[in-house]
Amino acid sequence: MSSQELPATERIRRRPEFQRVYDTGARAHGKFMTVFTVANGGRSARLGVAATRKIGSAVERNRAKRLAREIFRRHKVAVGLDIVVVPRREMLHAPFANLEADYQSTLQRCGRGSSSARPARSHRPRPAKSV
């Protein structure tokens, strides 16, 4: 495996894992992305990227995911955190240095628990539909 790849142990891939981060983690908004974090109890950090269709075509969504993975790879977090990045459309046209700075400042606000980093809202189960 190349050192450029993100190993499977550093990825969040399954929906329940994403949902746990959304439900129990802290959230902070940046200029180019929203970052959710929660401790995972492990030794290394893991990354998940949720690029929605609001960003654009599949090509643009894949580019946003590649950018987020590269930023994560270059700026490893020492503690065991699960990090979910939700990119914004502006991410596609920003210089990479600006993306790195935004990621680091957003992650710092998210982990520090400042007033701008609110806990993610808890999702209540929906009532069953009556037929």
N, C-alpha and C. Protein backbone atom coordinates (compact mmCIF):
# COMPACT_ATOMS: atom_id res chain seq x y z
N MET A 1 0.84 -1.18 0.00
CA MET A 1 0.00 0.00 0.00
C MET A 1 0.89 1.24 0.00
N SER A 2 0.54 2.20 -0.78
CA SER A 2 1.28 3.46 -0.89
C SER A 2 1.05 4.31 0.35
N SER A 3 2.01 5.17 0.68
CA SER A 3 1.84 6.07 1.83
C SER A 3 0.83 7.17 1.52
N GLN A 4 0.43 7.29 0.27
CA GLN A 4 -0.55 8.29 -0.13
C GLN A 4 -1.98 7.85 0.16
N GLU A 5 -2.21 6.57 0.37
CA GLU A 5 -3.55 6.06 0.58
C GLU A 5 -3.97 6.20 2.03
N LEU A 6 -5.26 6.28 2.24
CA LEU A 6 -5.82 6.30 3.58
C LEU A 6 -6.24 4.88 3.92
N PRO A 7 -5.57 4.23 4.90
CA PRO A 7 -5.89 2.84 5.20
C PRO A 7 -7.32 2.68 5.70
N ALA A 8 -7.85 1.50 5.55
CA ALA A 8 -9.22 1.21 5.96
C ALA A 8 -9.44 1.44 7.45
N THR A 9 -8.39 1.30 8.26
CA THR A 9 -8.52 1.51 9.70
C THR A 9 -8.71 2.99 10.04
N GLU A 10 -8.46 3.87 9.09
CA GLU A 10 -8.60 5.31 9.32
C GLU A 10 -9.81 5.88 8.59
N ARG A 11 -10.75 5.02 8.21
CA ARG A 11 -11.93 5.48 7.48
C ARG A 11 -13.20 5.15 8.25
N ILE A 12 -14.18 6.03 8.12
CA ILE A 12 -15.53 5.75 8.59
C ILE A 12 -16.32 5.46 7.34
N ARG A 13 -16.95 4.29 7.28
CA ARG A 13 -17.62 3.89 6.05
C ARG A 13 -19.08 3.53 6.22
N ARG A 14 -19.45 3.05 7.39
CA ARG A 14 -20.82 2.54 7.56
C ARG A 14 -21.74 3.61 8.13
N ARG A 15 -22.99 3.56 7.74
CA ARG A 15 -23.98 4.54 8.17
C ARG A 15 -24.10 4.64 9.70
N PRO A 16 -24.13 3.53 10.45
CA PRO A 16 -24.23 3.66 11.91
C PRO A 16 -23.06 4.42 12.53
N GLU A 17 -21.88 4.28 11.92
CA GLU A 17 -20.72 5.02 12.43
C GLU A 17 -20.89 6.52 12.19
N PHE A 18 -21.37 6.89 11.00
CA PHE A 18 -21.64 8.29 10.71
C PHE A 18 -22.71 8.81 11.67
N GLN A 19 -23.76 8.03 11.87
CA GLN A 19 -24.87 8.46 12.71
C GLN A 19 -24.42 8.68 14.14
N ARG A 20 -23.53 7.84 14.64
CA ARG A 20 -23.00 8.01 16.00
C ARG A 20 -22.26 9.33 16.14
N VAL A 21 -21.48 9.69 15.12
CA VAL A 21 -20.75 10.96 15.15
C VAL A 21 -21.73 12.13 15.13
N TYR A 22 -22.76 12.04 14.27
CA TYR A 22 -23.75 13.11 14.20
C TYR A 22 -24.52 13.26 15.51
N ASP A 23 -24.90 12.14 16.11
CA ASP A 23 -25.75 12.15 17.30
C ASP A 23 -25.00 12.56 18.56
N THR A 24 -23.78 12.10 18.73
CA THR A 24 -23.09 12.31 20.01
C THR A 24 -21.91 13.25 19.93
N GLY A 25 -21.52 13.67 18.73
CA GLY A 25 -20.32 14.47 18.58
C GLY A 25 -20.55 15.96 18.67
N ALA A 26 -19.45 16.70 18.61
CA ALA A 26 -19.48 18.16 18.57
C ALA A 26 -19.41 18.61 17.12
N ARG A 27 -19.99 19.77 16.84
CA ARG A 27 -20.05 20.27 15.47
C ARG A 27 -19.50 21.69 15.44
N ALA A 28 -18.75 22.00 14.39
CA ALA A 28 -18.27 23.37 14.17
C ALA A 28 -18.32 23.65 12.67
N HIS A 29 -18.72 24.86 12.35
CA HIS A 29 -18.84 25.27 10.95
C HIS A 29 -17.64 26.11 10.56
N GLY A 30 -17.10 25.82 9.39
CA GLY A 30 -16.03 26.61 8.82
C GLY A 30 -16.50 27.25 7.54
N LYS A 31 -15.62 27.96 6.89
CA LYS A 31 -15.98 28.64 5.64
C LYS A 31 -16.22 27.64 4.51
N PHE A 32 -15.46 26.54 4.49
CA PHE A 32 -15.53 25.59 3.39
C PHE A 32 -16.11 24.23 3.77
N MET A 33 -16.33 24.00 5.07
CA MET A 33 -16.80 22.69 5.51
C MET A 33 -17.38 22.77 6.91
N THR A 34 -18.17 21.76 7.25
CA THR A 34 -18.65 21.56 8.62
C THR A 34 -17.97 20.30 9.12
N VAL A 35 -17.50 20.36 10.36
CA VAL A 35 -16.76 19.23 10.94
C VAL A 35 -17.47 18.74 12.19
N PHE A 36 -17.68 17.44 12.26
CA PHE A 36 -18.24 16.77 13.43
C PHE A 36 -17.13 15.90 14.02
N THR A 37 -16.99 15.90 15.35
CA THR A 37 -15.99 15.04 15.98
C THR A 37 -16.55 14.37 17.22
N VAL A 38 -16.06 13.17 17.48
CA VAL A 38 -16.39 12.44 18.70
C VAL A 38 -15.23 11.47 18.98
N ALA A 39 -14.94 11.24 20.25
CA ALA A 39 -13.88 10.29 20.61
C ALA A 39 -14.30 8.89 20.20
N ASN A 40 -13.33 8.12 19.68
CA ASN A 40 -13.66 6.77 19.23
C ASN A 40 -13.08 5.68 20.13
N GLY A 41 -12.30 6.06 21.12
CA GLY A 41 -11.75 5.07 22.04
C GLY A 41 -10.57 4.30 21.48
N GLY A 42 -10.14 4.64 20.29
CA GLY A 42 -9.00 3.97 19.66
C GLY A 42 -7.74 4.80 19.75
N ARG A 43 -6.71 4.32 19.09
CA ARG A 43 -5.43 5.03 19.10
C ARG A 43 -5.30 6.06 17.98
N SER A 44 -6.01 5.82 16.88
CA SER A 44 -5.85 6.72 15.74
C SER A 44 -7.17 7.37 15.37
N ALA A 45 -7.05 8.45 14.63
CA ALA A 45 -8.24 9.17 14.16
C ALA A 45 -8.78 8.49 12.91
N ARG A 46 -10.10 8.61 12.71
CA ARG A 46 -10.74 8.08 11.51
C ARG A 46 -11.51 9.21 10.84
N LEU A 47 -11.61 9.14 9.52
CA LEU A 47 -12.27 10.18 8.75
C LEU A 47 -13.44 9.62 7.96
N GLY A 48 -14.51 10.38 7.92
CA GLY A 48 -15.64 10.11 7.05
C GLY A 48 -15.97 11.40 6.32
N VAL A 49 -16.34 11.30 5.06
CA VAL A 49 -16.70 12.49 4.27
C VAL A 49 -18.11 12.28 3.75
N ALA A 50 -18.99 13.24 4.02
CA ALA A 50 -20.37 13.17 3.58
C ALA A 50 -20.60 14.28 2.55
N ALA A 51 -20.35 13.97 1.31
CA ALA A 51 -20.51 14.94 0.22
C ALA A 51 -21.87 14.72 -0.42
N THR A 52 -22.78 15.65 -0.20
CA THR A 52 -24.14 15.51 -0.70
C THR A 52 -24.27 16.04 -2.13
N ARG A 53 -25.42 15.81 -2.73
CA ARG A 53 -25.64 16.27 -4.10
C ARG A 53 -25.74 17.78 -4.22
N LYS A 54 -25.86 18.47 -3.10
CA LYS A 54 -25.86 19.94 -3.13
C LYS A 54 -24.55 20.46 -3.69
N ILE A 55 -23.48 19.70 -3.53
CA ILE A 55 -22.16 20.12 -4.01
C ILE A 55 -22.12 20.16 -5.52
N GLY A 56 -22.76 19.21 -6.16
CA GLY A 56 -22.77 19.19 -7.62
C GLY A 56 -22.76 17.77 -8.15
N SER A 57 -22.16 17.62 -9.31
CA SER A 57 -22.13 16.33 -9.99
C SER A 57 -21.24 15.35 -9.23
N ALA A 58 -21.26 14.11 -9.68
CA ALA A 58 -20.43 13.07 -9.05
C ALA A 58 -18.95 13.44 -9.12
N VAL A 59 -18.54 14.04 -10.22
CA VAL A 59 -17.14 14.45 -10.37
C VAL A 59 -16.78 15.47 -9.28
N GLU A 60 -17.66 16.43 -9.05
CA GLU A 60 -17.39 17.46 -8.04
C GLU A 60 -17.43 16.88 -6.63
N ARG A 61 -18.37 15.98 -6.37
CA ARG A 61 -18.43 15.33 -5.06
C ARG A 61 -17.17 14.51 -4.79
N ASN A 62 -16.72 13.78 -5.79
CA ASN A 62 -15.50 12.97 -5.62
C ASN A 62 -14.28 13.86 -5.41
N ARG A 63 -14.22 14.99 -6.09
CA ARG A 63 -13.11 15.93 -5.88
C ARG A 63 -13.13 16.46 -4.45
N ALA A 64 -14.31 16.82 -3.95
CA ALA A 64 -14.41 17.31 -2.58
C ALA A 64 -13.95 16.24 -1.59
N LYS A 65 -14.32 14.99 -1.84
CA LYS A 65 -13.90 13.90 -0.95
C LYS A 65 -12.39 13.70 -1.01
N ARG A 66 -11.81 13.78 -2.20
CA ARG A 66 -10.36 13.64 -2.32
C ARG A 66 -9.64 14.76 -1.58
N LEU A 67 -10.14 15.99 -1.70
CA LEU A 67 -9.53 17.12 -1.00
C LEU A 67 -9.61 16.92 0.52
N ALA A 68 -10.76 16.49 1.01
CA ALA A 68 -10.92 16.28 2.46
C ALA A 68 -9.99 15.18 2.96
N ARG A 69 -9.87 14.09 2.20
CA ARG A 69 -8.97 13.00 2.61
C ARG A 69 -7.52 13.46 2.62
N GLU A 70 -7.13 14.27 1.65
CA GLU A 70 -5.75 14.75 1.60
C GLU A 70 -5.45 15.68 2.76
N ILE A 71 -6.38 16.54 3.11
CA ILE A 71 -6.19 17.43 4.26
C ILE A 71 -6.05 16.60 5.53
N PHE A 72 -6.91 15.60 5.70
CA PHE A 72 -6.84 14.72 6.86
C PHE A 72 -5.51 13.99 6.92
N ARG A 73 -5.06 13.49 5.77
CA ARG A 73 -3.81 12.74 5.71
C ARG A 73 -2.62 13.62 6.09
N ARG A 74 -2.62 14.87 5.66
CA ARG A 74 -1.51 15.78 5.95
C ARG A 74 -1.53 16.30 7.38
N HIS A 75 -2.69 16.37 7.98
CA HIS A 75 -2.81 16.94 9.33
C HIS A 75 -3.42 15.90 10.26
N LYS A 76 -2.64 14.88 10.55
CA LYS A 76 -3.10 13.79 11.42
C LYS A 76 -3.35 14.32 12.83
N VAL A 77 -4.39 13.79 13.45
CA VAL A 77 -4.72 14.12 14.83
C VAL A 77 -4.19 12.98 15.68
N ALA A 78 -3.47 13.30 16.74
CA ALA A 78 -2.83 12.27 17.56
C ALA A 78 -3.84 11.47 18.37
N VAL A 79 -4.90 12.10 18.81
CA VAL A 79 -5.87 11.42 19.67
C VAL A 79 -6.84 10.59 18.83
N GLY A 80 -7.51 9.65 19.49
CA GLY A 80 -8.48 8.81 18.81
C GLY A 80 -9.80 9.54 18.62
N LEU A 81 -9.99 10.11 17.46
CA LEU A 81 -11.22 10.83 17.14
C LEU A 81 -11.85 10.27 15.89
N ASP A 82 -13.17 10.28 15.84
CA ASP A 82 -13.88 10.07 14.59
C ASP A 82 -14.24 11.45 14.08
N ILE A 83 -13.85 11.75 12.86
CA ILE A 83 -14.07 13.06 12.26
C ILE A 83 -14.90 12.87 11.01
N VAL A 84 -16.00 13.61 10.91
CA VAL A 84 -16.81 13.61 9.70
C VAL A 84 -16.78 15.02 9.13
N VAL A 85 -16.40 15.11 7.86
CA VAL A 85 -16.33 16.39 7.16
C VAL A 85 -17.50 16.45 6.17
N VAL A 86 -18.25 17.54 6.24
CA VAL A 86 -19.32 17.79 5.28
C VAL A 86 -18.87 19.00 4.45
N PRO A 87 -18.37 18.76 3.24
CA PRO A 87 -17.84 19.87 2.44
C PRO A 87 -18.94 20.76 1.88
N ARG A 88 -18.58 22.01 1.64
CA ARG A 88 -19.47 22.96 0.97
C ARG A 88 -18.99 23.16 -0.46
N ARG A 89 -19.86 23.67 -1.29
CA ARG A 89 -19.53 23.87 -2.70
C ARG A 89 -18.30 24.77 -2.89
N GLU A 90 -18.13 25.74 -2.00
CA GLU A 90 -17.01 26.68 -2.09
C GLU A 90 -15.66 25.97 -1.98
N MET A 91 -15.67 24.77 -1.41
CA MET A 91 -14.44 24.00 -1.23
C MET A 91 -13.77 23.69 -2.57
N LEU A 92 -14.57 23.51 -3.60
CA LEU A 92 -14.04 23.10 -4.90
C LEU A 92 -13.19 24.18 -5.57
N HIS A 93 -13.42 25.44 -5.23
CA HIS A 93 -12.74 26.53 -5.92
C HIS A 93 -11.74 27.27 -5.05
N ALA A 94 -11.53 26.81 -3.82
CA ALA A 94 -10.63 27.47 -2.89
C ALA A 94 -9.21 26.93 -3.03
N PRO A 95 -8.21 27.78 -2.79
CA PRO A 95 -6.82 27.29 -2.77
C PRO A 95 -6.64 26.27 -1.64
N PHE A 96 -5.79 25.29 -1.89
CA PHE A 96 -5.60 24.20 -0.93
C PHE A 96 -5.11 24.72 0.42
N ALA A 97 -4.26 25.73 0.43
CA ALA A 97 -3.77 26.29 1.69
C ALA A 97 -4.91 26.86 2.53
N ASN A 98 -5.89 27.47 1.89
CA ASN A 98 -7.05 27.99 2.61
C ASN A 98 -7.89 26.85 3.19
N LEU A 99 -8.01 25.76 2.44
CA LEU A 99 -8.76 24.60 2.93
C LEU A 99 -8.08 24.01 4.16
N GLU A 100 -6.76 23.90 4.11
CA GLU A 100 -6.02 23.36 5.25
C GLU A 100 -6.22 24.23 6.49
N ALA A 101 -6.11 25.54 6.32
CA ALA A 101 -6.27 26.46 7.45
C ALA A 101 -7.68 26.39 8.01
N ASP A 102 -8.68 26.30 7.13
CA ASP A 102 -10.07 26.22 7.57
C ASP A 102 -10.31 24.91 8.33
N TYR A 103 -9.77 23.81 7.83
CA TYR A 103 -9.92 22.51 8.48
C TYR A 103 -9.31 22.55 9.89
N GLN A 104 -8.09 23.07 9.99
CA GLN A 104 -7.42 23.09 11.28
C GLN A 104 -8.15 23.97 12.29
N SER A 105 -8.58 25.15 11.86
CA SER A 105 -9.27 26.04 12.80
C SER A 105 -10.64 25.47 13.19
N THR A 106 -11.34 24.88 12.24
CA THR A 106 -12.65 24.29 12.53
C THR A 106 -12.50 23.09 13.47
N LEU A 107 -11.53 22.26 13.20
CA LEU A 107 -11.29 21.09 14.06
C LEU A 107 -10.91 21.53 15.47
N GLN A 108 -10.11 22.57 15.57
CA GLN A 108 -9.70 23.08 16.88
C GLN A 108 -10.92 23.61 17.65
N ARG A 109 -11.78 24.36 16.98
CA ARG A 109 -12.99 24.86 17.64
C ARG A 109 -13.90 23.71 18.05
N CYS A 110 -13.98 22.70 17.22
CA CYS A 110 -14.85 21.55 17.48
C CYS A 110 -14.35 20.77 18.70
N GLY A 111 -13.07 20.57 18.80
CA GLY A 111 -12.51 19.80 19.90
C GLY A 111 -12.46 20.56 21.20
N ARG A 112 -12.32 21.87 21.12
CA ARG A 112 -12.17 22.69 22.31
C ARG A 112 -13.49 22.91 23.02
N GLY A 113 -14.60 22.78 22.28
CA GLY A 113 -15.90 22.98 22.90
C GLY A 113 -16.22 24.43 23.15
N SER A 114 -15.74 25.32 22.27
CA SER A 114 -16.03 26.74 22.42
C SER A 114 -17.49 27.04 22.11
N SER A 115 -17.89 28.27 22.27
CA SER A 115 -19.29 28.63 22.05
C SER A 115 -19.71 28.44 20.61
N SER A 116 -18.77 28.50 19.66
CA SER A 116 -19.13 28.31 18.26
C SER A 116 -19.28 26.83 17.90
N ALA A 117 -18.81 25.96 18.78
CA ALA A 117 -18.92 24.51 18.52
C ALA A 117 -20.00 23.94 19.43
N ARG A 118 -21.19 23.81 18.90
CA ARG A 118 -22.30 23.27 19.67
C ARG A 118 -22.33 21.76 19.50
N PRO A 119 -22.81 21.05 20.51
CA PRO A 119 -22.97 19.61 20.32
C PRO A 119 -23.99 19.35 19.21
N ALA A 120 -23.78 18.29 18.50
CA ALA A 120 -24.72 17.94 17.43
C ALA A 120 -26.07 17.63 18.05
N ARG A 121 -27.12 18.01 17.36
CA ARG A 121 -28.46 17.76 17.90
C ARG A 121 -28.74 16.26 17.89
N SER A 122 -29.46 15.85 18.89
CA SER A 122 -29.80 14.43 18.95
C SER A 122 -31.02 14.19 18.08
N HIS A 123 -31.02 13.09 17.40
CA HIS A 123 -32.13 12.73 16.53
C HIS A 123 -33.09 11.85 17.30
N ARG A 124 -34.32 12.29 17.38
CA ARG A 124 -35.34 11.48 18.04
C ARG A 124 -35.91 10.50 17.03
N PRO A 125 -36.21 9.30 17.46
CA PRO A 125 -36.80 8.35 16.53
C PRO A 125 -38.16 8.86 16.06
N ARG A 126 -38.41 8.66 14.80
CA ARG A 126 -39.68 9.08 14.22
C ARG A 126 -40.79 8.13 14.66
N PRO A 127 -41.98 8.68 14.89
CA PRO A 127 -43.08 7.77 15.24
C PRO A 127 -43.44 6.91 14.04
N ALA A 128 -43.92 5.73 14.33
CA ALA A 128 -44.29 4.81 13.26
C ALA A 128 -45.46 5.38 12.48
N LYS A 129 -45.43 5.19 11.17
CA LYS A 129 -46.51 5.68 10.32
C LYS A 129 -47.74 4.79 10.50
N SER A 130 -48.86 5.44 10.62
CA SER A 130 -50.08 4.66 10.72
C SER A 130 -50.61 4.41 9.31
N VAL A 131 -51.09 3.24 9.08
CA VAL A 131 -51.55 2.84 7.74
C VAL A 131 -53.01 3.02 7.59
